[in-house]
Amino acid sequence: SAFYNVAPENKLRVIAPDVGGGFGSKIYIYPEEIICLWASKKTGVPVKWVADRTESFLTDAHGRDHVSTVEMAFDKDNRIT
């Protein structure tokens, strides 16, 4: 919080329920989280960010700004080989 100059840590309330495994994607601070802090501070009401599975695949640390090249092979019945 102090790093992003949004609010002092003693003024933040973070709710972190048990969300299960995530393969490390929850250890990073994402821009969306900072925007939520800023919006909550500006409006004076709680702000919640919810990403669906597709959004998470595109924006989480393991997928953000990655470009991949993939080749696949198929047999005559269009099954991946």
C-alpha atoms as a PDB file:
ATOM      1  CA  SER A   1       0.000   0.000   0.000  1.00  0.00           C
ATOM      2  CA  ALA A   2       2.723   2.445   0.946  1.00  0.00           C
ATOM      3  CA  PHE A   3       4.618   1.543  -2.217  1.00  0.00           C
ATOM      4  CA  TYR A   4       1.653   2.615  -4.342  1.00  0.00           C
ATOM      5  CA  ASN A   5       0.834   5.616  -2.116  1.00  0.00           C
ATOM      6  CA  VAL A   6      -2.833   4.660  -1.887  1.00  0.00           C
ATOM      7  CA  ALA A   7      -3.439   4.434   1.861  1.00  0.00           C
ATOM      8  CA  PRO A   8      -1.497   3.659   5.016  1.00  0.00           C
ATOM      9  CA  GLU A   9      -1.546  -0.035   5.880  1.00  0.00           C
ATOM     10  CA  ASN A  10      -3.385   0.565   9.159  1.00  0.00           C
ATOM     11  CA  LYS A  11      -6.295   2.031   7.164  1.00  0.00           C
ATOM     12  CA  LEU A  12      -6.742  -0.974   4.859  1.00  0.00           C
ATOM     13  CA  ARG A  13      -9.118  -3.866   5.402  1.00  0.00           C
ATOM     14  CA  VAL A  14      -8.301  -6.895   3.281  1.00  0.00           C
ATOM     15  CA  ILE A  15     -10.612  -9.907   3.202  1.00  0.00           C
ATOM     16  CA  ALA A  16      -8.802 -13.021   2.005  1.00  0.00           C
ATOM     17  CA  PRO A  17     -10.963 -16.144   2.211  1.00  0.00           C
ATOM     18  CA  ASP A  18      -9.518 -19.606   1.611  1.00  0.00           C
ATOM     19  CA  VAL A  19      -9.337 -19.713  -2.178  1.00  0.00           C
ATOM     20  CA  GLY A  20      -7.388 -22.918  -2.656  1.00  0.00           C
ATOM     21  CA  GLY A  21      -4.405 -23.467  -4.912  1.00  0.00           C
ATOM     22  CA  GLY A  22      -3.366 -21.023  -7.561  1.00  0.00           C
ATOM     23  CA  PHE A  23       0.074 -22.156  -8.725  1.00  0.00           C
ATOM     24  CA  GLY A  24       1.630 -18.914  -7.478  1.00  0.00           C
ATOM     25  CA  SER A  25      -0.603 -16.424  -9.283  1.00  0.00           C
ATOM     26  CA  LYS A  26      -1.824 -14.915  -5.999  1.00  0.00           C
ATOM     27  CA  ILE A  27       1.631 -13.808  -4.805  1.00  0.00           C
ATOM     28  CA  TYR A  28       1.777 -10.794  -7.130  1.00  0.00           C
ATOM     29  CA  ILE A  29       0.152  -7.366  -6.874  1.00  0.00           C
ATOM     30  CA  TYR A  30      -1.877  -6.665 -10.005  1.00  0.00           C
ATOM     31  CA  PRO A  31      -2.840  -3.226 -11.384  1.00  0.00           C
ATOM     32  CA  GLU A  32      -6.513  -4.122 -10.965  1.00  0.00           C
ATOM     33  CA  GLU A  33      -6.018  -4.407  -7.200  1.00  0.00           C
ATOM     34  CA  ILE A  34      -4.468  -0.952  -7.014  1.00  0.00           C
ATOM     35  CA  ILE A  35      -7.337   0.471  -9.079  1.00  0.00           C
ATOM     36  CA  CYS A  36      -9.783  -1.057  -6.584  1.00  0.00           C
ATOM     37  CA  LEU A  37      -7.944   0.613  -3.706  1.00  0.00           C
ATOM     38  CA  TRP A  38      -7.966   3.950  -5.514  1.00  0.00           C
ATOM     39  CA  ALA A  39     -11.652   3.677  -6.487  1.00  0.00           C
ATOM     40  CA  SER A  40     -12.654   2.745  -2.942  1.00  0.00           C
ATOM     41  CA  LYS A  41     -10.703   5.671  -1.555  1.00  0.00           C
ATOM     42  CA  LYS A  42     -12.313   8.077  -4.041  1.00  0.00           C
ATOM     43  CA  THR A  43     -15.878   6.825  -3.576  1.00  0.00           C
ATOM     44  CA  GLY A  44     -15.767   5.933   0.105  1.00  0.00           C
ATOM     45  CA  VAL A  45     -17.382   2.546  -0.506  1.00  0.00           C
ATOM     46  CA  PRO A  46     -15.939  -0.981  -0.819  1.00  0.00           C
ATOM     47  CA  VAL A  47     -14.857  -1.958  -4.327  1.00  0.00           C
ATOM     48  CA  LYS A  48     -14.532  -5.558  -5.462  1.00  0.00           C
ATOM     49  CA  TRP A  49     -12.670  -6.948  -8.482  1.00  0.00           C
ATOM     50  CA  VAL A  50     -13.848 -10.302  -9.830  1.00  0.00           C
ATOM     51  CA  ALA A  51     -12.155 -11.883 -12.837  1.00  0.00           C
ATOM     52  CA  ASP A  52     -13.670 -14.879 -14.546  1.00  0.00           C
ATOM     53  CA  ARG A  53     -11.535 -17.832 -15.627  1.00  0.00           C
ATOM     54  CA  THR A  54     -10.850 -16.449 -19.111  1.00  0.00           C
ATOM     55  CA  GLU A  55      -9.817 -13.051 -17.765  1.00  0.00           C
ATOM     56  CA  SER A  56      -7.500 -14.724 -15.271  1.00  0.00           C
ATOM     57  CA  PHE A  57      -5.822 -16.784 -17.983  1.00  0.00           C
ATOM     58  CA  LEU A  58      -5.206 -13.605 -19.979  1.00  0.00           C
ATOM     59  CA  THR A  59      -4.137 -11.264 -17.193  1.00  0.00           C
ATOM     60  CA  ASP A  60      -2.581 -13.197 -14.302  1.00  0.00           C
ATOM     61  CA  ALA A  61       1.199 -13.158 -13.955  1.00  0.00           C
ATOM     62  CA  HIS A  62       1.566 -16.503 -15.676  1.00  0.00           C
ATOM     63  CA  GLY A  63      -0.214 -15.236 -18.795  1.00  0.00           C
ATOM     64  CA  ARG A  64       0.228 -11.452 -18.890  1.00  0.00           C
ATOM     65  CA  ASP A  65       2.133 -10.201 -21.930  1.00  0.00           C
ATOM     66  CA  HIS A  66       3.147 -13.689 -22.982  1.00  0.00           C
ATOM     67  CA  VAL A  67       3.241 -14.682 -26.634  1.00  0.00           C
ATOM     68  CA  SER A  68       3.366 -18.399 -27.398  1.00  0.00           C
ATOM     69  CA  THR A  69       3.905 -20.296 -30.612  1.00  0.00           C
ATOM     70  CA  VAL A  70       2.419 -23.779 -30.668  1.00  0.00           C
ATOM     71  CA  GLU A  71       2.449 -26.587 -33.204  1.00  0.00           C
ATOM     72  CA  MET A  72       0.031 -29.498 -33.095  1.00  0.00           C
ATOM     73  CA  ALA A  73      -0.180 -32.728 -35.047  1.00  0.00           C
ATOM     74  CA  PHE A  74      -3.394 -34.576 -35.870  1.00  0.00           C
ATOM     75  CA  ASP A  75      -4.061 -38.028 -37.214  1.00  0.00           C
ATOM     76  CA  LYS A  76      -6.512 -38.774 -40.031  1.00  0.00           C
ATOM     77  CA  ASP A  77      -9.395 -38.806 -37.493  1.00  0.00           C
ATOM     78  CA  ASN A  78      -8.482 -35.313 -36.273  1.00  0.00           C
ATOM     79  CA  ARG A  79      -7.152 -36.574 -32.952  1.00  0.00           C
ATOM     80  CA  ILE A  80      -4.158 -34.861 -31.436  1.00  0.00           C
ATOM     81  CA  THR A  81      -1.087 -37.072 -31.826  1.00  0.00           C
END
